[in-house]
Amino acid sequence: MSLQAAAVGLGVALVPQYDLADEIAAGRLIVPTQHHCPSDRAYYFVTPQGKANTPRIAVFREWLLIQVKSE
């Protein structure tokens, strides 16, 4: 459901890579940052391409990256 919500512009989704391959291939979502967190379980920050650099998304992305780096 989180991927569907992100694809229609309701927000962002943090999901494992295997869940988003089809969405990215279809062009419905992009990964707006190249930062990856080392983990045995990887999650990706995705958003519709046209919304990747909106102020709200940018602020949330920066906050999220700070949180992950501090772990």
C-alpha atoms as a PDB file:
ATOM      1  CA  MET A   1       0.000   0.000   0.000  1.00  0.00           C
ATOM      2  CA  SER A   2       2.848   2.397   0.705  1.00  0.00           C
ATOM      3  CA  LEU A   3       4.139   2.055  -2.869  1.00  0.00           C
ATOM      4  CA  GLN A   4       0.676   2.752  -4.250  1.00  0.00           C
ATOM      5  CA  ALA A   5       0.325   5.804  -2.010  1.00  0.00           C
ATOM      6  CA  ALA A   6       3.711   7.146  -3.124  1.00  0.00           C
ATOM      7  CA  ALA A   7       2.911   6.485  -6.794  1.00  0.00           C
ATOM      8  CA  VAL A   8      -0.245   8.609  -6.622  1.00  0.00           C
ATOM      9  CA  GLY A   9       1.582  11.431  -4.877  1.00  0.00           C
ATOM     10  CA  LEU A  10       0.456  10.943  -1.286  1.00  0.00           C
ATOM     11  CA  GLY A  11       3.961  10.815   0.124  1.00  0.00           C
ATOM     12  CA  VAL A  12       7.075   8.715   0.194  1.00  0.00           C
ATOM     13  CA  ALA A  13       7.653   5.039   0.839  1.00  0.00           C
ATOM     14  CA  LEU A  14      10.501   3.203   2.520  1.00  0.00           C
ATOM     15  CA  VAL A  15      10.481  -0.287   1.086  1.00  0.00           C
ATOM     16  CA  PRO A  16      12.800  -3.199   0.302  1.00  0.00           C
ATOM     17  CA  GLN A  17      14.364  -3.118  -3.167  1.00  0.00           C
ATOM     18  CA  TYR A  18      12.533  -6.239  -4.321  1.00  0.00           C
ATOM     19  CA  ASP A  19       9.202  -4.450  -3.789  1.00  0.00           C
ATOM     20  CA  LEU A  20       9.943  -1.482  -6.017  1.00  0.00           C
ATOM     21  CA  ALA A  21      11.603  -2.912  -9.135  1.00  0.00           C
ATOM     22  CA  ASP A  22       8.348  -2.998 -11.138  1.00  0.00           C
ATOM     23  CA  GLU A  23       7.375   0.541 -10.088  1.00  0.00           C
ATOM     24  CA  ILE A  24      10.751   1.922 -11.120  1.00  0.00           C
ATOM     25  CA  ALA A  25      10.777  -0.020 -14.406  1.00  0.00           C
ATOM     26  CA  ALA A  26       7.317   1.353 -15.224  1.00  0.00           C
ATOM     27  CA  GLY A  27       8.427   4.898 -14.414  1.00  0.00           C
ATOM     28  CA  ARG A  28       5.852   5.359 -11.658  1.00  0.00           C
ATOM     29  CA  LEU A  29       8.482   5.917  -8.951  1.00  0.00           C
ATOM     30  CA  ILE A  30      12.116   6.940  -8.684  1.00  0.00           C
ATOM     31  CA  VAL A  31      14.753   6.634  -5.973  1.00  0.00           C
ATOM     32  CA  PRO A  32      15.540  10.327  -5.322  1.00  0.00           C
ATOM     33  CA  THR A  33      18.726   9.722  -3.333  1.00  0.00           C
ATOM     34  CA  GLN A  34      21.711   7.471  -3.901  1.00  0.00           C
ATOM     35  CA  HIS A  35      22.281   6.953  -0.171  1.00  0.00           C
ATOM     36  CA  HIS A  36      21.895   3.338   0.879  1.00  0.00           C
ATOM     37  CA  CYS A  37      21.988   2.033   4.419  1.00  0.00           C
ATOM     38  CA  PRO A  38      24.064  -1.096   4.923  1.00  0.00           C
ATOM     39  CA  SER A  39      21.746  -3.721   6.279  1.00  0.00           C
ATOM     40  CA  ASP A  40      20.710  -7.277   5.751  1.00  0.00           C
ATOM     41  CA  ARG A  41      17.388  -5.615   4.907  1.00  0.00           C
ATOM     42  CA  ALA A  42      17.610  -2.649   2.552  1.00  0.00           C
ATOM     43  CA  TYR A  43      14.929   0.016   2.229  1.00  0.00           C
ATOM     44  CA  TYR A  44      14.703   2.708  -0.447  1.00  0.00           C
ATOM     45  CA  PHE A  45      13.202   6.165  -0.300  1.00  0.00           C
ATOM     46  CA  VAL A  46      10.943   6.576  -3.346  1.00  0.00           C
ATOM     47  CA  THR A  47       8.610   9.293  -4.603  1.00  0.00           C
ATOM     48  CA  PRO A  48       6.954  10.226  -7.899  1.00  0.00           C
ATOM     49  CA  GLN A  49       9.547  11.786 -10.205  1.00  0.00           C
ATOM     50  CA  GLY A  50       7.802  15.149 -10.410  1.00  0.00           C
ATOM     51  CA  LYS A  51       7.766  15.505  -6.630  1.00  0.00           C
ATOM     52  CA  ALA A  52      11.313  14.418  -5.800  1.00  0.00           C
ATOM     53  CA  ASN A  53      12.592  17.958  -5.221  1.00  0.00           C
ATOM     54  CA  THR A  54       9.593  19.627  -3.647  1.00  0.00           C
ATOM     55  CA  PRO A  55      10.460  21.433  -0.387  1.00  0.00           C
ATOM     56  CA  ARG A  56       8.506  19.032   1.841  1.00  0.00           C
ATOM     57  CA  ILE A  57      10.089  15.960   0.282  1.00  0.00           C
ATOM     58  CA  ALA A  58      13.571  17.534   0.390  1.00  0.00           C
ATOM     59  CA  VAL A  59      13.234  18.387   4.101  1.00  0.00           C
ATOM     60  CA  PHE A  60      11.960  14.920   4.936  1.00  0.00           C
ATOM     61  CA  ARG A  61      14.709  13.259   2.866  1.00  0.00           C
ATOM     62  CA  GLU A  62      17.427  15.289   4.627  1.00  0.00           C
ATOM     63  CA  TRP A  63      15.944  14.526   8.053  1.00  0.00           C
ATOM     64  CA  LEU A  64      15.718  10.840   7.219  1.00  0.00           C
ATOM     65  CA  LEU A  65      19.324  10.688   6.025  1.00  0.00           C
ATOM     66  CA  ILE A  66      20.502  12.345   9.236  1.00  0.00           C
ATOM     67  CA  GLN A  67      18.551   9.779  11.268  1.00  0.00           C
ATOM     68  CA  VAL A  68      20.012   6.819   9.397  1.00  0.00           C
ATOM     69  CA  LYS A  69      23.566   8.130   9.554  1.00  0.00           C
ATOM     70  CA  SER A  70      23.333   8.517  13.327  1.00  0.00           C
ATOM     71  CA  GLU A  71      22.603   4.812  13.837  1.00  0.00           C
END
